[in-house]
Amino acid sequence: MILHQITPHLHPFAKQFILKDITNNQIIYNCEVKNHSGKIGLSKTPEFSSSKGLKMYPSHEYELILTTNNTTSEPQDMMASMFLFFYDQEMDIKIEAYRNAN
């Protein structure tokens, strides 16, 4: 599968969000987050985008690693999600067949 886009969604106090191929011990994507200075909130959550894409393998294992830093004295709810967008060749073939049938 070819990965073309990664869009992270993070809550404040996130510092780093990594997608790692643990089969070959390689970091695929390292999102270094920037929090606002002097107030709560994120000022930068970088995305990944590539028309060439990155190869991912069904036989490999992957993990997400989230690093946080609660700079307040209160407990904080934190979460993170990572949206991964792949090129789906089978779907592309079906769409082309549908277009050609009409």
N, C-alpha and C. Protein backbone atom coordinates (compact mmCIF):
# COMPACT_ATOMS: atom_id res chain seq x y z
N MET A 1 0.84 -1.17 0.00
CA MET A 1 0.00 0.00 0.00
C MET A 1 0.89 1.24 0.00
N ILE A 2 0.42 2.26 -0.68
CA ILE A 2 1.17 3.51 -0.76
C ILE A 2 0.46 4.58 0.07
N LEU A 3 1.17 5.10 1.06
CA LEU A 3 0.66 6.15 1.94
C LEU A 3 1.00 7.51 1.33
N HIS A 4 -0.05 8.34 1.14
CA HIS A 4 0.16 9.64 0.49
C HIS A 4 -0.07 10.83 1.41
N GLN A 5 -0.84 10.66 2.45
CA GLN A 5 -1.17 11.81 3.30
C GLN A 5 -1.31 11.33 4.73
N ILE A 6 -0.78 12.11 5.67
CA ILE A 6 -0.99 11.88 7.09
C ILE A 6 -1.46 13.20 7.69
N THR A 7 -2.60 13.15 8.35
CA THR A 7 -3.14 14.32 9.03
C THR A 7 -3.35 13.96 10.50
N PRO A 8 -2.54 14.54 11.38
CA PRO A 8 -2.71 14.25 12.81
C PRO A 8 -3.77 15.15 13.43
N HIS A 9 -4.44 14.63 14.44
CA HIS A 9 -5.37 15.42 15.25
C HIS A 9 -4.92 15.24 16.70
N LEU A 10 -4.56 16.34 17.34
CA LEU A 10 -3.98 16.27 18.68
C LEU A 10 -4.64 17.27 19.61
N HIS A 11 -4.57 16.99 20.88
CA HIS A 11 -5.02 17.93 21.91
C HIS A 11 -3.81 18.68 22.46
N PRO A 12 -4.07 19.82 23.11
CA PRO A 12 -2.97 20.58 23.71
C PRO A 12 -2.11 19.72 24.63
N PHE A 13 -0.89 20.13 24.77
CA PHE A 13 0.15 19.49 25.57
C PHE A 13 0.82 18.33 24.84
N ALA A 14 0.39 18.03 23.62
CA ALA A 14 1.11 17.05 22.81
C ALA A 14 2.44 17.67 22.40
N LYS A 15 3.48 16.85 22.36
CA LYS A 15 4.80 17.33 21.93
C LYS A 15 5.24 16.69 20.63
N GLN A 16 4.99 15.38 20.52
CA GLN A 16 5.49 14.63 19.38
C GLN A 16 4.55 13.46 19.13
N PHE A 17 4.30 13.19 17.86
CA PHE A 17 3.42 12.08 17.47
C PHE A 17 4.13 11.35 16.34
N ILE A 18 4.44 10.08 16.57
CA ILE A 18 5.27 9.31 15.63
C ILE A 18 4.50 8.11 15.10
N LEU A 19 4.63 7.86 13.81
CA LEU A 19 4.20 6.61 13.19
C LEU A 19 5.48 5.84 12.90
N LYS A 20 5.60 4.65 13.50
CA LYS A 20 6.85 3.88 13.40
C LYS A 20 6.59 2.49 12.86
N ASP A 21 7.43 2.07 11.93
CA ASP A 21 7.45 0.68 11.45
C ASP A 21 8.33 -0.08 12.43
N ILE A 22 7.72 -0.88 13.30
CA ILE A 22 8.52 -1.58 14.31
C ILE A 22 9.16 -2.86 13.75
N THR A 23 8.73 -3.28 12.58
CA THR A 23 9.35 -4.45 11.94
C THR A 23 10.79 -4.14 11.54
N ASN A 24 11.00 -2.95 10.95
CA ASN A 24 12.37 -2.59 10.55
C ASN A 24 12.91 -1.41 11.37
N ASN A 25 12.22 -1.07 12.45
CA ASN A 25 12.67 -0.04 13.39
C ASN A 25 12.93 1.30 12.70
N GLN A 26 11.98 1.73 11.85
CA GLN A 26 12.12 3.01 11.14
C GLN A 26 10.93 3.91 11.45
N ILE A 27 11.23 5.18 11.66
CA ILE A 27 10.17 6.18 11.82
C ILE A 27 9.69 6.57 10.44
N ILE A 28 8.39 6.43 10.23
CA ILE A 28 7.78 6.80 8.95
C ILE A 28 7.42 8.28 8.95
N TYR A 29 6.88 8.73 10.08
CA TYR A 29 6.43 10.13 10.19
C TYR A 29 6.66 10.61 11.61
N ASN A 30 7.25 11.78 11.74
CA ASN A 30 7.51 12.39 13.04
C ASN A 30 6.87 13.76 13.06
N CYS A 31 5.75 13.88 13.74
CA CYS A 31 5.03 15.15 13.84
C CYS A 31 5.50 15.85 15.11
N GLU A 32 6.32 16.86 14.95
CA GLU A 32 6.79 17.64 16.09
C GLU A 32 5.83 18.81 16.28
N VAL A 33 5.09 18.75 17.36
CA VAL A 33 4.00 19.68 17.63
C VAL A 33 4.53 20.93 18.33
N LYS A 34 3.92 22.06 18.03
CA LYS A 34 4.27 23.29 18.73
C LYS A 34 3.04 23.79 19.47
N ASN A 35 3.17 23.98 20.78
CA ASN A 35 2.11 24.52 21.62
C ASN A 35 2.25 26.04 21.69
N HIS A 36 1.11 26.72 21.94
CA HIS A 36 1.15 28.17 22.14
C HIS A 36 2.02 28.50 23.35
N SER A 37 2.58 29.66 23.34
CA SER A 37 3.35 30.14 24.48
C SER A 37 2.45 31.05 25.32
N GLY A 38 2.31 30.75 26.60
CA GLY A 38 1.53 31.61 27.49
C GLY A 38 0.04 31.32 27.54
N LYS A 39 -0.42 30.37 26.73
CA LYS A 39 -1.83 29.97 26.76
C LYS A 39 -1.94 28.53 26.27
N ILE A 40 -3.08 27.92 26.56
CA ILE A 40 -3.28 26.52 26.17
C ILE A 40 -3.76 26.44 24.73
N GLY A 41 -3.14 25.57 23.97
CA GLY A 41 -3.55 25.36 22.58
C GLY A 41 -2.35 25.02 21.72
N LEU A 42 -2.62 24.52 20.55
CA LEU A 42 -1.57 24.15 19.60
C LEU A 42 -1.43 25.21 18.53
N SER A 43 -0.21 25.54 18.19
CA SER A 43 0.01 26.51 17.12
C SER A 43 0.51 25.84 15.84
N LYS A 44 0.99 24.58 15.97
CA LYS A 44 1.50 23.89 14.77
C LYS A 44 1.38 22.38 14.94
N THR A 45 0.68 21.75 14.01
CA THR A 45 0.60 20.28 13.93
C THR A 45 0.86 19.90 12.47
N PRO A 46 2.12 19.70 12.12
CA PRO A 46 2.48 19.45 10.73
C PRO A 46 1.82 18.20 10.14
N GLU A 47 1.49 18.29 8.87
CA GLU A 47 0.95 17.17 8.11
C GLU A 47 2.03 16.64 7.18
N PHE A 48 1.78 15.45 6.64
CA PHE A 48 2.65 14.87 5.62
C PHE A 48 1.83 14.71 4.35
N SER A 49 2.42 15.07 3.22
CA SER A 49 1.76 14.88 1.94
C SER A 49 2.83 14.61 0.88
N SER A 50 2.56 13.58 0.04
CA SER A 50 3.52 13.22 -1.01
C SER A 50 2.79 12.57 -2.16
N SER A 51 2.97 13.08 -3.37
CA SER A 51 2.36 12.44 -4.54
C SER A 51 3.06 11.10 -4.83
N LYS A 52 4.35 11.00 -4.54
CA LYS A 52 5.08 9.74 -4.70
C LYS A 52 4.63 8.72 -3.65
N GLY A 53 4.47 9.18 -2.43
CA GLY A 53 4.00 8.32 -1.35
C GLY A 53 5.09 7.49 -0.71
N LEU A 54 4.70 6.81 0.35
CA LEU A 54 5.59 5.92 1.10
C LEU A 54 5.00 4.53 1.09
N LYS A 55 5.83 3.55 0.84
CA LYS A 55 5.38 2.15 0.81
C LYS A 55 5.20 1.65 2.24
N MET A 56 4.02 1.03 2.49
CA MET A 56 3.76 0.35 3.76
C MET A 56 3.40 -1.09 3.42
N TYR A 57 3.75 -1.99 4.30
CA TYR A 57 3.65 -3.41 4.00
C TYR A 57 2.68 -4.12 4.94
N PRO A 58 1.78 -4.94 4.40
CA PRO A 58 0.83 -5.67 5.24
C PRO A 58 1.51 -6.62 6.23
N SER A 59 2.69 -7.08 5.91
CA SER A 59 3.40 -8.02 6.79
C SER A 59 4.16 -7.32 7.91
N HIS A 60 4.24 -5.99 7.87
CA HIS A 60 4.96 -5.24 8.91
C HIS A 60 4.01 -4.87 10.05
N GLU A 61 4.60 -4.61 11.20
CA GLU A 61 3.83 -4.09 12.34
C GLU A 61 4.20 -2.63 12.54
N TYR A 62 3.19 -1.84 12.89
CA TYR A 62 3.36 -0.41 13.05
C TYR A 62 2.84 0.00 14.43
N GLU A 63 3.36 1.12 14.94
CA GLU A 63 2.85 1.64 16.20
C GLU A 63 2.82 3.16 16.16
N LEU A 64 1.94 3.72 16.98
CA LEU A 64 1.87 5.16 17.17
C LEU A 64 2.46 5.47 18.53
N ILE A 65 3.28 6.51 18.58
CA ILE A 65 3.92 6.93 19.83
C ILE A 65 3.59 8.39 20.06
N LEU A 66 2.93 8.68 21.17
CA LEU A 66 2.56 10.05 21.52
C LEU A 66 3.35 10.47 22.75
N THR A 67 4.01 11.61 22.65
CA THR A 67 4.71 12.21 23.78
C THR A 67 3.98 13.48 24.17
N THR A 68 3.71 13.64 25.46
CA THR A 68 2.98 14.81 25.95
C THR A 68 3.78 15.50 27.05
N ASN A 69 3.40 16.75 27.33
CA ASN A 69 4.01 17.50 28.42
C ASN A 69 2.94 18.41 29.00
N ASN A 70 2.33 18.00 30.09
CA ASN A 70 1.33 18.81 30.78
C ASN A 70 2.06 19.89 31.56
N THR A 71 1.98 21.12 31.09
CA THR A 71 2.69 22.23 31.72
C THR A 71 1.86 22.91 32.80
N THR A 72 0.67 22.38 33.09
CA THR A 72 -0.16 22.94 34.15
C THR A 72 -0.04 22.09 35.40
N SER A 73 -0.63 22.57 36.48
CA SER A 73 -0.64 21.79 37.72
C SER A 73 -1.89 20.92 37.84
N GLU A 74 -2.74 20.96 36.83
CA GLU A 74 -4.00 20.20 36.82
C GLU A 74 -3.91 19.01 35.87
N PRO A 75 -4.60 17.92 36.20
CA PRO A 75 -4.69 16.81 35.23
C PRO A 75 -5.38 17.29 33.95
N GLN A 76 -4.94 16.80 32.82
CA GLN A 76 -5.51 17.21 31.53
C GLN A 76 -5.95 15.98 30.75
N ASP A 77 -7.10 16.10 30.07
CA ASP A 77 -7.50 15.07 29.12
C ASP A 77 -6.65 15.25 27.87
N MET A 78 -6.12 14.16 27.37
CA MET A 78 -5.31 14.23 26.16
C MET A 78 -5.68 13.08 25.24
N MET A 79 -5.63 13.34 23.97
CA MET A 79 -5.89 12.29 22.98
C MET A 79 -5.16 12.65 21.71
N ALA A 80 -5.06 11.66 20.85
CA ALA A 80 -4.45 11.88 19.55
C ALA A 80 -5.00 10.86 18.58
N SER A 81 -5.14 11.26 17.34
CA SER A 81 -5.50 10.33 16.27
C SER A 81 -4.70 10.74 15.03
N MET A 82 -4.48 9.77 14.18
CA MET A 82 -3.71 10.02 12.97
C MET A 82 -4.49 9.45 11.79
N PHE A 83 -4.86 10.32 10.88
CA PHE A 83 -5.60 9.91 9.69
C PHE A 83 -4.60 9.60 8.58
N LEU A 84 -4.67 8.39 8.06
CA LEU A 84 -3.75 7.93 7.03
C LEU A 84 -4.51 7.75 5.73
N PHE A 85 -4.01 8.30 4.65
CA PHE A 85 -4.67 8.24 3.35
C PHE A 85 -3.80 7.47 2.37
N PHE A 86 -4.38 6.41 1.81
CA PHE A 86 -3.67 5.50 0.91
C PHE A 86 -4.28 5.54 -0.49
N TYR A 87 -3.47 5.20 -1.48
CA TYR A 87 -3.97 4.96 -2.82
C TYR A 87 -4.49 3.53 -2.86
N ASP A 88 -5.74 3.36 -3.30
CA ASP A 88 -6.37 2.05 -3.35
C ASP A 88 -6.51 1.64 -4.82
N GLN A 89 -5.61 0.82 -5.31
CA GLN A 89 -5.61 0.43 -6.72
C GLN A 89 -6.87 -0.35 -7.09
N GLU A 90 -7.35 -1.22 -6.20
CA GLU A 90 -8.57 -1.98 -6.50
C GLU A 90 -9.76 -1.06 -6.69
N MET A 91 -9.88 -0.04 -5.84
CA MET A 91 -10.98 0.92 -5.97
C MET A 91 -10.83 1.71 -7.27
N ASP A 92 -9.62 2.07 -7.61
CA ASP A 92 -9.37 2.80 -8.85
C ASP A 92 -9.83 1.99 -10.06
N ILE A 93 -9.56 0.69 -10.06
CA ILE A 93 -9.99 -0.20 -11.15
C ILE A 93 -11.52 -0.25 -11.22
N LYS A 94 -12.18 -0.34 -10.08
CA LYS A 94 -13.65 -0.38 -10.05
C LYS A 94 -14.25 0.93 -10.56
N ILE A 95 -13.66 2.04 -10.17
CA ILE A 95 -14.16 3.34 -10.63
C ILE A 95 -13.99 3.47 -12.14
N GLU A 96 -12.83 3.05 -12.65
CA GLU A 96 -12.59 3.12 -14.10
C GLU A 96 -13.58 2.22 -14.86
N ALA A 97 -13.84 1.03 -14.33
CA ALA A 97 -14.81 0.12 -14.98
C ALA A 97 -16.20 0.75 -14.97
N TYR A 98 -16.56 1.40 -13.88
CA TYR A 98 -17.88 2.07 -13.79
C TYR A 98 -17.97 3.18 -14.83
N ARG A 99 -16.93 3.96 -14.94
CA ARG A 99 -16.92 5.09 -15.92
C ARG A 99 -17.03 4.56 -17.35
N ASN A 100 -16.33 3.47 -17.63
CA ASN A 100 -16.33 2.90 -18.98
C ASN A 100 -17.66 2.23 -19.32
N ALA A 101 -18.42 1.81 -18.31
CA ALA A 101 -19.72 1.16 -18.53
C ALA A 101 -20.79 2.16 -18.90
N ASN A 102 -20.58 3.41 -18.58
CA ASN A 102 -21.62 4.43 -18.83
C ASN A 102 -21.39 5.17 -20.11
